[in-house]
N, C-alpha and C. Protein backbone atom coordinates (compact mmCIF):
# COMPACT_ATOMS: atom_id res chain seq x y z
N UNK A 1 75.04 102.73 89.89
CA UNK A 1 75.36 103.43 91.58
C UNK A 1 73.94 104.54 91.46
N UNK A 2 73.56 104.65 92.22
CA UNK A 2 72.69 105.39 93.38
C UNK A 2 73.72 106.40 93.82
N UNK A 3 72.26 107.39 93.86
CA UNK A 3 73.02 108.61 93.99
C UNK A 3 73.06 108.62 95.73
N UNK A 4 72.08 107.88 96.74
CA UNK A 4 72.63 107.65 98.24
C UNK A 4 73.82 106.64 98.75
N UNK A 5 73.90 106.05 96.89
CA UNK A 5 75.31 105.16 97.20
C UNK A 5 76.97 106.06 96.90
N UNK A 6 76.53 106.85 95.65
CA UNK A 6 77.48 108.05 95.35
C UNK A 6 77.81 108.48 96.74
N UNK A 7 76.45 109.00 97.32
CA UNK A 7 77.08 110.28 98.87
C UNK A 7 77.80 109.44 100.23
N UNK A 8 77.28 108.35 100.40
CA UNK A 8 78.11 107.83 101.36
C UNK A 8 79.47 106.74 100.98
N UNK A 9 79.73 106.37 99.35
CA UNK A 9 80.76 105.86 99.60
C UNK A 9 82.61 107.13 99.42
N UNK A 10 82.49 105.87 99.81
CA UNK A 10 84.43 107.07 100.47
C UNK A 10 85.31 107.62 99.19
N UNK A 11 85.72 108.14 99.44
CA UNK A 11 86.50 109.18 98.07
C UNK A 11 87.88 108.36 97.52
N UNK A 12 88.13 109.09 96.47
CA UNK A 12 89.63 108.34 96.08
C UNK A 12 90.66 108.75 96.78
N UNK A 13 90.35 109.61 97.40
CA UNK A 13 91.85 109.55 98.51
C UNK A 13 91.43 109.49 100.16
N UNK A 14 90.11 108.29 100.20
CA UNK A 14 90.09 107.86 101.34
C UNK A 14 89.65 106.57 101.25
N UNK A 15 90.34 106.25 102.22
CA UNK A 15 90.91 104.95 102.96
C UNK A 15 89.35 104.05 103.77
N UNK A 16 88.25 102.51 103.68
CA UNK A 16 87.94 101.53 103.34
C UNK A 16 88.30 102.03 104.95
N UNK A 17 87.06 101.57 105.60
CA UNK A 17 87.31 101.93 107.79
C UNK A 17 87.24 100.35 107.80
N UNK A 18 88.13 99.92 108.46
CA UNK A 18 88.76 99.01 109.13
C UNK A 18 87.42 98.07 109.34
N UNK A 19 86.19 98.77 109.81
CA UNK A 19 85.03 97.22 109.96
C UNK A 19 84.98 97.47 108.95
N UNK A 20 84.49 97.48 107.95
CA UNK A 20 84.10 97.13 106.29
C UNK A 20 84.98 95.93 106.32
N UNK A 21 86.34 96.10 105.59
CA UNK A 21 87.26 94.81 106.27
C UNK A 21 86.68 93.87 106.88
N UNK A 22 86.85 93.89 108.33
CA UNK A 22 86.70 93.21 108.82
C UNK A 22 85.10 92.02 109.67
N UNK A 23 83.88 92.91 108.90
CA UNK A 23 82.91 92.74 108.68
C UNK A 23 82.79 91.67 107.29
N UNK A 24 83.28 91.81 106.83
CA UNK A 24 83.94 90.25 105.51
C UNK A 24 83.22 88.55 106.07
N UNK A 25 84.35 88.49 107.24
CA UNK A 25 84.15 87.61 107.06
C UNK A 25 82.61 86.77 108.35
N UNK A 26 82.66 88.16 108.40
CA UNK A 26 80.85 87.56 109.80
C UNK A 26 79.96 87.89 109.21
N UNK A 27 79.67 88.36 108.18
CA UNK A 27 78.97 88.45 106.30
C UNK A 27 78.23 86.93 105.54
N UNK A 28 80.11 87.10 104.90
CA UNK A 28 80.93 85.36 104.49
C UNK A 28 79.51 84.44 105.49
N UNK A 29 79.58 84.60 107.43
CA UNK A 29 79.51 83.31 107.83
C UNK A 29 77.74 83.60 108.39
N UNK A 30 77.56 84.74 108.33
CA UNK A 30 75.09 84.82 108.06
C UNK A 30 75.52 84.53 106.59
N UNK A 31 75.80 84.84 106.01
CA UNK A 31 75.32 84.39 104.22
C UNK A 31 75.85 82.51 104.69
N UNK A 32 75.97 81.76 105.12
CA UNK A 32 76.46 80.36 105.19
C UNK A 32 75.50 80.03 106.09
N UNK A 33 74.95 81.17 107.41
CA UNK A 33 74.17 80.03 108.23
C UNK A 33 73.12 79.83 107.94
N UNK A 34 72.98 80.91 107.44
CA UNK A 34 71.19 81.36 106.99
C UNK A 34 71.10 81.33 105.44
N UNK A 35 72.17 80.34 104.82
CA UNK A 35 71.46 80.60 103.27
C UNK A 35 70.36 79.60 102.79
N UNK A 36 69.46 78.76 104.05
CA UNK A 36 68.43 78.56 103.31
C UNK A 36 66.71 79.11 103.50
N UNK A 37 67.15 80.36 104.47
CA UNK A 37 66.58 81.57 104.25
C UNK A 37 66.47 82.42 103.03
N UNK A 38 67.63 82.44 102.40
CA UNK A 38 67.89 83.35 101.14
C UNK A 38 67.15 83.55 100.31
N UNK A 39 66.33 84.41 99.38
CA UNK A 39 65.39 84.38 98.84
C UNK A 39 66.51 84.32 97.39
N UNK A 40 65.43 83.81 96.29
CA UNK A 40 66.29 84.14 95.09
C UNK A 40 66.97 86.01 94.49
N UNK A 41 66.80 87.00 94.97
CA UNK A 41 67.22 87.84 95.07
C UNK A 41 68.48 88.43 95.72
N UNK A 42 67.84 87.84 96.92
CA UNK A 42 69.42 87.52 97.20
C UNK A 42 71.05 87.34 97.75
N UNK A 43 70.19 86.50 97.24
CA UNK A 43 71.37 84.95 96.03
C UNK A 43 71.43 86.30 95.10
N UNK A 44 71.32 85.85 94.40
CA UNK A 44 72.30 86.68 93.20
C UNK A 44 72.57 88.39 94.03
N UNK A 45 71.45 88.82 94.76
CA UNK A 45 72.86 89.88 95.04
C UNK A 45 73.74 89.98 96.01
N UNK A 46 73.92 88.57 96.75
CA UNK A 46 75.61 87.61 97.26
C UNK A 46 76.14 87.73 96.43
N UNK A 47 75.32 86.96 95.28
CA UNK A 47 76.61 86.71 94.15
C UNK A 47 76.95 87.67 92.90
N UNK A 48 76.81 88.70 92.93
CA UNK A 48 76.79 89.50 92.23
C UNK A 48 78.36 90.26 93.40
N UNK A 49 77.72 90.59 94.32
CA UNK A 49 78.60 91.90 95.68
C UNK A 49 80.48 90.48 94.57
N UNK A 50 80.55 89.57 95.23
CA UNK A 50 81.08 88.30 94.73
C UNK A 50 82.24 88.60 93.99
N UNK A 51 81.05 88.51 92.64
CA UNK A 51 81.95 88.51 91.52
C UNK A 51 82.63 90.38 90.98
N UNK A 52 81.99 91.40 92.17
CA UNK A 52 83.04 92.74 91.59
C UNK A 52 84.13 92.09 92.14
N UNK A 53 83.91 92.13 94.21
CA UNK A 53 85.01 92.49 94.40
C UNK A 53 86.17 91.35 94.15
N UNK A 54 86.29 89.92 93.27
CA UNK A 54 86.57 88.96 93.34
C UNK A 54 87.75 89.86 92.02
N UNK A 55 86.66 90.51 90.81
CA UNK A 55 87.28 91.42 89.70
C UNK A 55 88.48 92.24 89.77
N UNK A 56 87.70 93.17 91.17
CA UNK A 56 88.59 94.18 92.09
C UNK A 56 90.04 93.80 92.27
N UNK A 57 90.16 92.51 93.02
CA UNK A 57 91.34 92.72 93.19
C UNK A 57 92.09 91.78 92.27
N UNK A 58 91.85 90.57 91.59
CA UNK A 58 92.37 89.86 90.54
C UNK A 58 92.67 91.33 89.39
N UNK A 59 92.42 92.32 89.27
CA UNK A 59 92.40 93.53 88.52
C UNK A 59 93.28 94.43 89.04
N UNK A 60 93.44 94.56 90.74
CA UNK A 60 95.22 94.64 91.05
C UNK A 60 96.05 94.53 91.21
N UNK A 61 95.84 92.87 91.21
CA UNK A 61 97.31 92.02 91.25
C UNK A 61 97.87 91.83 89.56
N UNK A 62 97.36 92.69 89.05
CA UNK A 62 97.85 92.37 87.52
C UNK A 62 98.96 93.35 87.62
């Protein structure tokens, strides 16, 4: 994590802002709609983000 990400990340006692969670379906739609335009690097960024989010949710389910 970069120092910029650390500054903009919510603290341990802060909830994610509602717009962030509610934007995920819109972001997914954009990726679906514009998939042909994504570069290899952008596709990898999307894959990495998906993997990280799934890992966290699976960890919480235990």
